[in-house]
Amino acid sequence: MEDERDLTVEEQKRLLAVARQTIEALVRGQRPPAQAADLEALTFQRGAFVTIHRRGQLRGCIGNFTSPHDLLTTVGEMAQAAATQDPRFMPVRPMELDEIDLEISVLSPLRPIQDVSEIEVGRHGIYIIAPRGRGVLLPQVAIEQGWDRDTFLEHTCLKAGLQPGCWRDPQTQVLIFSAQVFGEKDLLGRA
């Protein structure tokens, strides 16, 4: 399907610019600038996560798996949410703007699995849905942490507020997805 293709470097840079402009405007108490979906992939309806790092440490991350909006709008909304609504952090402050860098994960559709052997560490993210909670970890987290498949599954359970091993429960559903991940560090040389 065409709207599942990888984004070009130009499209990636445009999404990063939209995310940064949105965050900077909000943090400064201004209205985010209107954006036009002027590149083909920016009109696709895909899920996305926006991750904010400050001095190499997580500072906010919010996303969704699907969106009724075009990718440009979705990234703007997720950037706003990551900067102001992540319950783990206080909203980003103006003095932090020069210290943050952004990363965007554009997602493939979710896919249920029959066996955990289908999970490829570094390629797949995991979304666990259990009767008592749900949690997600993006594909890059396992690589960043040096986790194998089982450790990745255990930490996804913990992220959901569940006991380690919850993924073995027959009432728990394990879904996977892939993501095209790109950030300001790689594309724009931000430190």
Protein backbone atom coordinates (compact mmCIF):
# COMPACT_ATOMS: atom_id res chain seq x y z
CA MET A 1 0.00 0.00 0.00
CA GLU A 2 1.47 3.35 -1.03
CA ASP A 3 0.72 5.13 2.24
CA GLU A 4 2.90 2.60 4.08
CA ARG A 5 6.08 3.45 2.20
CA ASP A 6 9.08 4.94 3.99
CA LEU A 7 9.24 8.69 4.13
CA THR A 8 11.88 10.53 2.13
CA VAL A 9 14.52 12.64 3.88
CA GLU A 10 12.67 15.77 2.75
CA GLU A 11 9.42 14.49 4.30
CA GLN A 12 11.22 13.54 7.51
CA LYS A 13 12.80 17.00 7.80
CA ARG A 14 9.43 18.64 7.21
CA LEU A 15 7.81 16.60 10.00
CA LEU A 16 10.66 17.42 12.39
CA ALA A 17 10.27 21.12 11.56
CA VAL A 18 6.53 20.96 12.24
CA ALA A 19 7.10 19.20 15.57
CA ARG A 20 9.71 21.76 16.67
CA GLN A 21 7.68 24.79 15.52
CA THR A 22 4.63 23.44 17.35
CA ILE A 23 6.52 22.87 20.60
CA GLU A 24 8.33 26.20 20.49
CA ALA A 25 5.11 28.12 19.85
CA LEU A 26 3.21 26.36 22.64
CA VAL A 27 5.99 26.73 25.18
CA ARG A 28 6.22 30.44 24.41
CA GLY A 29 2.45 30.84 24.78
CA GLN A 30 1.85 31.37 21.07
CA ARG A 31 -0.44 29.64 18.63
CA PRO A 32 1.33 26.97 16.53
CA PRO A 33 1.69 28.05 12.90
CA ALA A 34 -0.73 26.64 10.34
CA GLN A 35 0.90 23.93 8.25
CA ALA A 36 0.17 22.74 4.73
CA ALA A 37 0.55 19.08 3.81
CA ASP A 38 2.58 19.99 0.75
CA LEU A 39 4.42 16.68 0.32
CA GLU A 40 2.68 13.43 -0.60
CA ALA A 41 3.46 11.38 2.50
CA LEU A 42 2.30 14.17 4.78
CA THR A 43 -1.26 13.46 3.63
CA PHE A 44 -1.11 9.77 4.67
CA GLN A 45 -3.17 8.64 7.66
CA ARG A 46 -0.65 6.88 9.89
CA GLY A 47 0.06 6.64 13.57
CA ALA A 48 3.07 8.42 15.01
CA PHE A 49 4.94 9.03 18.25
CA VAL A 50 6.95 12.14 19.08
CA THR A 51 9.76 11.69 21.60
CA ILE A 52 11.52 14.58 23.30
CA HIS A 53 14.98 14.16 24.80
CA ARG A 54 16.77 16.71 26.95
CA ARG A 55 20.51 16.25 27.28
CA GLY A 56 20.11 12.65 26.17
CA GLN A 57 17.40 11.82 28.71
CA LEU A 58 13.73 11.14 27.96
CA ARG A 59 11.71 14.33 28.46
CA GLY A 60 8.37 13.30 26.95
CA CYS A 61 6.84 10.81 24.55
CA ILE A 62 3.27 10.59 23.30
CA GLY A 63 1.77 8.98 20.25
CA ASN A 64 -1.04 6.99 18.77
CA PHE A 65 -1.32 3.96 16.53
CA THR A 66 -3.93 5.33 14.19
CA SER A 67 -5.22 8.75 13.31
CA PRO A 68 -8.17 10.14 11.38
CA HIS A 69 -5.90 13.05 10.38
CA ASP A 70 -3.09 13.40 7.90
CA LEU A 71 0.43 12.64 9.14
CA LEU A 72 1.35 16.33 9.31
CA THR A 73 -1.55 17.06 11.68
CA THR A 74 -0.89 13.91 13.72
CA VAL A 75 2.76 14.81 14.27
CA GLY A 76 1.79 18.34 15.33
CA GLU A 77 -0.75 16.99 17.82
CA MET A 78 1.68 14.40 19.22
CA ALA A 79 4.44 17.02 19.55
CA GLN A 80 2.08 19.21 21.55
CA ALA A 81 1.05 16.28 23.74
CA ALA A 82 4.65 15.10 24.31
CA ALA A 83 5.67 18.62 25.38
CA THR A 84 2.69 19.37 27.61
CA GLN A 85 0.70 16.24 28.51
CA ASP A 86 3.08 13.36 29.26
CA PRO A 87 2.03 12.52 32.85
CA ARG A 88 5.59 11.51 33.74
CA PHE A 89 6.94 15.03 33.23
CA MET A 90 6.16 18.67 33.81
CA PRO A 91 5.44 20.62 30.59
CA VAL A 92 8.52 21.73 28.64
CA ARG A 93 9.63 25.24 29.68
CA PRO A 94 11.05 27.99 27.46
CA MET A 95 14.52 27.67 29.03
CA GLU A 96 14.68 24.04 27.85
CA LEU A 97 14.04 24.67 24.16
CA ASP A 98 17.73 24.89 23.22
CA GLU A 99 18.45 21.68 25.15
CA ILE A 100 15.87 19.37 23.63
CA ASP A 101 16.03 17.24 20.53
CA LEU A 102 13.11 15.53 18.84
CA GLU A 103 12.59 12.09 17.40
CA ILE A 104 9.59 10.92 15.39
CA SER A 105 8.42 7.34 14.92
CA VAL A 106 6.00 6.86 12.03
CA LEU A 107 4.18 3.58 12.54
CA SER A 108 2.98 0.70 10.45
CA PRO A 109 -0.44 -0.75 11.29
CA LEU A 110 -0.68 -2.98 14.38
CA ARG A 111 -0.58 -6.72 13.75
CA PRO A 112 -1.52 -9.47 16.23
CA ILE A 113 0.94 -12.33 16.56
CA GLN A 114 0.41 -16.03 17.13
CA ASP A 115 3.78 -16.67 18.74
CA VAL A 116 6.37 -14.38 20.34
CA SER A 117 8.99 -15.83 17.99
CA GLU A 118 7.49 -13.46 15.38
CA ILE A 119 8.93 -10.48 17.30
CA GLU A 120 12.18 -9.22 15.79
CA VAL A 121 14.12 -7.11 18.27
CA GLY A 122 15.08 -3.83 16.65
CA ARG A 123 12.43 -4.13 13.97
CA HIS A 124 9.21 -4.48 15.94
CA GLY A 125 7.62 -2.53 18.73
CA ILE A 126 5.28 -4.28 21.14
CA TYR A 127 1.79 -3.34 22.25
CA ILE A 128 0.33 -5.48 25.04
CA ILE A 129 -3.38 -5.42 25.84
CA ALA A 130 -4.46 -7.25 28.99
CA PRO A 131 -7.66 -7.14 31.04
CA ARG A 132 -5.94 -4.92 33.63
CA GLY A 133 -3.83 -2.65 31.48
CA ARG A 134 -2.08 -1.91 28.25
CA GLY A 135 1.38 -0.72 27.37
CA VAL A 136 3.63 -0.04 24.43
CA LEU A 137 7.35 0.16 23.79
CA LEU A 138 8.73 1.44 20.49
CA PRO A 139 11.14 -0.74 18.46
CA GLN A 140 14.18 1.39 19.26
CA VAL A 141 13.79 0.93 23.04
CA ALA A 142 14.97 -2.69 22.98
CA ILE A 143 18.08 -1.75 21.00
CA GLU A 144 18.85 1.29 23.19
CA GLN A 145 18.58 -0.87 26.32
CA GLY A 146 20.33 -3.96 24.89
CA TRP A 147 17.32 -6.20 25.56
CA ASP A 148 16.58 -9.58 24.06
CA ARG A 149 13.01 -10.55 23.09
CA ASP A 150 11.96 -11.88 26.50
CA THR A 151 13.33 -8.85 28.35
CA PHE A 152 11.55 -6.58 25.85
CA LEU A 153 8.27 -8.40 26.52
CA GLU A 154 8.81 -8.21 30.31
CA HIS A 155 9.42 -4.46 30.18
CA THR A 156 6.35 -3.93 28.02
CA CYS A 157 4.33 -5.68 30.73
CA LEU A 158 5.88 -3.40 33.36
CA LYS A 159 5.13 -0.32 31.22
CA ALA A 160 1.49 -1.47 31.20
CA GLY A 161 1.53 -1.58 35.01
CA LEU A 162 1.30 -5.37 34.92
CA GLN A 163 3.39 -8.16 36.37
CA PRO A 164 6.38 -9.46 34.40
CA GLY A 165 5.30 -12.47 32.35
CA CYS A 166 1.81 -11.07 31.70
CA TRP A 167 2.40 -11.73 28.01
CA ARG A 168 2.12 -15.47 28.70
CA ASP A 169 -1.47 -15.11 29.97
CA PRO A 170 -3.96 -16.36 27.35
CA GLN A 171 -6.15 -13.29 28.03
CA THR A 172 -3.30 -10.97 27.03
CA GLN A 173 -3.03 -9.91 23.42
CA VAL A 174 0.40 -9.13 21.98
CA LEU A 175 0.52 -6.97 18.87
CA ILE A 176 3.55 -5.79 16.95
CA PHE A 177 4.32 -2.92 14.62
CA SER A 178 7.32 -1.44 12.89
CA ALA A 179 8.36 2.19 12.78
CA GLN A 180 10.43 4.49 10.66
CA VAL A 181 12.40 6.40 13.27
CA PHE A 182 14.23 9.64 12.56
CA GLY A 183 15.40 12.56 14.63
CA GLU A 184 16.95 15.95 14.70
CA LYS A 185 20.30 14.53 15.81
CA ASP A 186 20.64 12.42 12.66
CA LEU A 187 19.00 14.64 10.07
CA LEU A 188 19.72 18.12 11.35
CA GLY A 189 22.87 17.63 13.40
CA ARG A 190 21.31 18.89 16.64
CA ALA A 191 23.23 17.91 19.73
